[in-house]
Amino acid sequence: MSEYHVSCGMFGIYAGTIKKNGTEWKDKTRVTDEAIEAVRDWLLSEAQFNNRTFGGYTWTTKDGKTVTLRVSIEDKEQTE
């Protein structure tokens, strides 16, 4: 059974299987919107589980830079 992978390319985020050489896609599907929505939902659920109105994820790149992805939860503004 082929391993399932998720990766980004020039035009989006893709999911699928790769060839045995490990460098070429065997088949892939563009899943950009679904991937972003899944990350949003995961960050939202983590924030809500911890009773917070914000959440995020931080990591360090290979060249030592820090990247932070944040989500904030705000009440919908009421219109009169």
N, C-alpha and C. Protein backbone atom coordinates (compact mmCIF):
# COMPACT_ATOMS: atom_id res chain seq x y z
N MET A 1 0.83 -1.18 0.00
CA MET A 1 0.00 0.00 0.00
C MET A 1 0.88 1.24 0.00
N SER A 2 0.53 2.21 -0.82
CA SER A 2 1.32 3.44 -0.93
C SER A 2 1.09 4.34 0.28
N GLU A 3 2.13 5.07 0.63
CA GLU A 3 2.00 6.04 1.70
C GLU A 3 1.29 7.28 1.20
N TYR A 4 0.49 7.87 2.06
CA TYR A 4 -0.26 9.07 1.72
C TYR A 4 0.55 10.27 2.20
N HIS A 5 0.68 11.28 1.37
CA HIS A 5 1.48 12.46 1.71
C HIS A 5 0.69 13.73 1.45
N VAL A 6 1.06 14.78 2.17
CA VAL A 6 0.51 16.11 1.96
C VAL A 6 1.71 17.04 1.77
N SER A 7 1.65 17.89 0.75
CA SER A 7 2.76 18.78 0.47
C SER A 7 2.24 20.02 -0.24
N CYS A 8 3.07 21.06 -0.25
CA CYS A 8 2.67 22.27 -0.96
C CYS A 8 3.45 22.37 -2.26
N GLY A 9 2.84 23.05 -3.21
CA GLY A 9 3.46 23.30 -4.49
C GLY A 9 3.26 24.76 -4.86
N MET A 10 3.60 25.11 -6.07
CA MET A 10 3.48 26.50 -6.50
C MET A 10 2.04 26.98 -6.54
N PHE A 11 1.10 26.08 -6.73
CA PHE A 11 -0.29 26.49 -6.92
C PHE A 11 -1.24 26.00 -5.84
N GLY A 12 -0.70 25.44 -4.77
CA GLY A 12 -1.59 25.02 -3.69
C GLY A 12 -1.01 23.91 -2.84
N ILE A 13 -1.89 23.32 -2.04
CA ILE A 13 -1.55 22.20 -1.18
C ILE A 13 -2.14 20.95 -1.83
N TYR A 14 -1.35 19.88 -1.85
CA TYR A 14 -1.76 18.65 -2.52
C TYR A 14 -1.68 17.48 -1.55
N ALA A 15 -2.53 16.49 -1.76
CA ALA A 15 -2.50 15.24 -1.00
C ALA A 15 -2.59 14.10 -1.99
N GLY A 16 -1.90 13.02 -1.68
CA GLY A 16 -1.94 11.86 -2.56
C GLY A 16 -0.83 10.88 -2.23
N THR A 17 -0.57 10.00 -3.17
CA THR A 17 0.48 9.01 -2.98
C THR A 17 1.67 9.37 -3.88
N ILE A 18 2.84 8.91 -3.46
CA ILE A 18 4.04 9.17 -4.26
C ILE A 18 4.61 7.85 -4.76
N LYS A 19 5.42 7.96 -5.80
CA LYS A 19 6.06 6.77 -6.37
C LYS A 19 7.10 6.23 -5.40
N LYS A 20 7.55 5.02 -5.64
CA LYS A 20 8.52 4.37 -4.76
C LYS A 20 9.82 5.14 -4.63
N ASN A 21 10.16 5.95 -5.65
CA ASN A 21 11.41 6.72 -5.56
C ASN A 21 11.30 7.84 -4.53
N GLY A 22 10.08 8.13 -4.07
CA GLY A 22 9.88 9.11 -3.01
C GLY A 22 9.96 10.56 -3.43
N THR A 23 10.13 10.81 -4.73
CA THR A 23 10.26 12.20 -5.18
C THR A 23 9.19 12.64 -6.17
N GLU A 24 8.42 11.70 -6.69
CA GLU A 24 7.41 12.05 -7.69
C GLU A 24 6.03 11.61 -7.21
N TRP A 25 5.03 12.43 -7.55
CA TRP A 25 3.66 12.07 -7.23
C TRP A 25 3.21 10.91 -8.11
N LYS A 26 2.54 9.94 -7.51
CA LYS A 26 1.89 8.86 -8.26
C LYS A 26 0.50 9.36 -8.66
N ASP A 27 -0.19 9.93 -7.71
CA ASP A 27 -1.45 10.63 -7.96
C ASP A 27 -1.60 11.69 -6.88
N LYS A 28 -2.25 12.76 -7.21
CA LYS A 28 -2.42 13.84 -6.23
C LYS A 28 -3.72 14.58 -6.51
N THR A 29 -4.21 15.22 -5.47
CA THR A 29 -5.41 16.03 -5.55
C THR A 29 -5.12 17.35 -4.87
N ARG A 30 -5.59 18.44 -5.46
CA ARG A 30 -5.42 19.76 -4.84
C ARG A 30 -6.40 19.86 -3.68
N VAL A 31 -5.88 20.11 -2.49
CA VAL A 31 -6.70 20.15 -1.27
C VAL A 31 -6.47 21.43 -0.47
N THR A 32 -6.09 22.50 -1.15
CA THR A 32 -5.72 23.74 -0.46
C THR A 32 -6.81 24.22 0.49
N ASP A 33 -8.03 24.41 -0.02
CA ASP A 33 -9.10 24.92 0.83
C ASP A 33 -9.39 23.98 2.00
N GLU A 34 -9.46 22.69 1.73
CA GLU A 34 -9.75 21.72 2.78
C GLU A 34 -8.64 21.70 3.83
N ALA A 35 -7.39 21.80 3.41
CA ALA A 35 -6.27 21.78 4.35
C ALA A 35 -6.29 23.02 5.25
N ILE A 36 -6.53 24.18 4.66
CA ILE A 36 -6.58 25.41 5.45
C ILE A 36 -7.74 25.36 6.43
N GLU A 37 -8.90 24.89 5.97
CA GLU A 37 -10.06 24.79 6.85
C GLU A 37 -9.82 23.79 7.98
N ALA A 38 -9.13 22.69 7.70
CA ALA A 38 -8.83 21.70 8.73
C ALA A 38 -7.90 22.27 9.79
N VAL A 39 -6.88 23.03 9.36
CA VAL A 39 -5.97 23.66 10.32
C VAL A 39 -6.73 24.68 11.15
N ARG A 40 -7.58 25.48 10.49
CA ARG A 40 -8.40 26.46 11.22
C ARG A 40 -9.24 25.77 12.28
N ASP A 41 -9.93 24.71 11.89
CA ASP A 41 -10.81 24.01 12.82
C ASP A 41 -10.04 23.38 13.97
N TRP A 42 -8.85 22.86 13.68
CA TRP A 42 -8.04 22.26 14.74
C TRP A 42 -7.58 23.33 15.73
N LEU A 43 -7.08 24.47 15.22
CA LEU A 43 -6.66 25.56 16.10
C LEU A 43 -7.84 26.09 16.91
N LEU A 44 -9.01 26.20 16.29
CA LEU A 44 -10.21 26.65 16.98
C LEU A 44 -10.58 25.69 18.11
N SER A 45 -10.59 24.41 17.83
CA SER A 45 -10.96 23.44 18.86
C SER A 45 -9.96 23.43 20.01
N GLU A 46 -8.68 23.58 19.70
CA GLU A 46 -7.66 23.66 20.76
C GLU A 46 -7.88 24.89 21.63
N ALA A 47 -8.17 26.02 21.02
CA ALA A 47 -8.42 27.25 21.78
C ALA A 47 -9.67 27.10 22.65
N GLN A 48 -10.74 26.57 22.09
CA GLN A 48 -11.97 26.40 22.85
C GLN A 48 -11.80 25.39 23.97
N PHE A 49 -11.06 24.33 23.74
CA PHE A 49 -10.80 23.34 24.78
C PHE A 49 -10.10 23.98 25.97
N ASN A 50 -9.22 24.94 25.69
CA ASN A 50 -8.48 25.64 26.75
C ASN A 50 -9.15 26.93 27.20
N ASN A 51 -10.43 27.11 26.81
CA ASN A 51 -11.21 28.30 27.19
C ASN A 51 -10.50 29.60 26.83
N ARG A 52 -9.99 29.66 25.62
CA ARG A 52 -9.30 30.87 25.14
C ARG A 52 -9.99 31.40 23.90
N THR A 53 -9.75 32.68 23.60
CA THR A 53 -10.29 33.29 22.39
C THR A 53 -9.21 33.42 21.33
N PHE A 54 -8.12 32.71 21.53
CA PHE A 54 -7.01 32.75 20.57
C PHE A 54 -6.27 31.42 20.64
N GLY A 55 -5.50 31.16 19.64
CA GLY A 55 -4.68 29.97 19.62
C GLY A 55 -3.63 30.11 18.54
N GLY A 56 -2.75 29.15 18.48
CA GLY A 56 -1.74 29.24 17.45
C GLY A 56 -0.74 28.11 17.53
N TYR A 57 0.19 28.20 16.63
CA TYR A 57 1.24 27.20 16.51
C TYR A 57 2.50 27.92 16.07
N THR A 58 3.61 27.60 16.71
CA THR A 58 4.88 28.24 16.40
C THR A 58 5.93 27.17 16.16
N TRP A 59 6.78 27.39 15.16
CA TRP A 59 7.88 26.47 14.91
C TRP A 59 9.06 27.23 14.36
N THR A 60 10.21 26.57 14.35
CA THR A 60 11.45 27.17 13.87
C THR A 60 11.81 26.54 12.53
N THR A 61 12.18 27.39 11.55
CA THR A 61 12.57 26.90 10.24
C THR A 61 14.01 26.39 10.27
N LYS A 62 14.43 25.75 9.20
CA LYS A 62 15.79 25.21 9.12
C LYS A 62 16.85 26.30 9.25
N ASP A 63 16.50 27.53 8.80
CA ASP A 63 17.48 28.62 8.88
C ASP A 63 17.36 29.42 10.18
N GLY A 64 16.60 28.91 11.15
CA GLY A 64 16.54 29.52 12.48
C GLY A 64 15.47 30.58 12.67
N LYS A 65 14.67 30.84 11.66
CA LYS A 65 13.60 31.84 11.80
C LYS A 65 12.41 31.22 12.52
N THR A 66 11.63 32.06 13.20
CA THR A 66 10.43 31.61 13.88
C THR A 66 9.22 31.97 13.05
N VAL A 67 8.35 31.00 12.85
CA VAL A 67 7.10 31.20 12.11
C VAL A 67 5.95 30.93 13.08
N THR A 68 4.98 31.84 13.12
CA THR A 68 3.82 31.68 14.00
C THR A 68 2.54 31.78 13.19
N LEU A 69 1.67 30.83 13.40
CA LEU A 69 0.35 30.82 12.78
C LEU A 69 -0.65 31.04 13.90
N ARG A 70 -1.51 32.06 13.76
CA ARG A 70 -2.43 32.40 14.84
C ARG A 70 -3.87 32.40 14.37
N VAL A 71 -4.76 32.12 15.30
CA VAL A 71 -6.19 32.24 15.07
C VAL A 71 -6.79 32.98 16.26
N SER A 72 -7.73 33.88 15.98
CA SER A 72 -8.43 34.56 17.06
C SER A 72 -9.93 34.39 16.85
N ILE A 73 -10.63 34.28 17.96
CA ILE A 73 -12.08 34.06 17.93
C ILE A 73 -12.73 35.34 18.44
N GLU A 74 -13.57 35.93 17.61
CA GLU A 74 -14.22 37.18 17.97
C GLU A 74 -15.73 37.02 17.81
N ASP A 75 -16.47 37.67 18.70
CA ASP A 75 -17.93 37.66 18.59
C ASP A 75 -18.35 38.45 17.37
N LYS A 76 -19.42 38.01 16.74
CA LYS A 76 -19.97 38.72 15.59
C LYS A 76 -20.52 40.06 16.07
N GLU A 77 -20.19 41.13 15.32
CA GLU A 77 -20.69 42.45 15.68
C GLU A 77 -22.19 42.50 15.48
N GLN A 78 -22.87 43.08 16.43
CA GLN A 78 -24.33 43.22 16.35
C GLN A 78 -24.68 44.45 15.53
N THR A 79 -25.63 44.32 14.64
CA THR A 79 -26.11 45.48 13.88
C THR A 79 -27.45 45.91 14.44
N GLU A 80 -27.66 47.20 14.47
CA GLU A 80 -28.90 47.71 15.04
C GLU A 80 -29.96 47.88 14.01
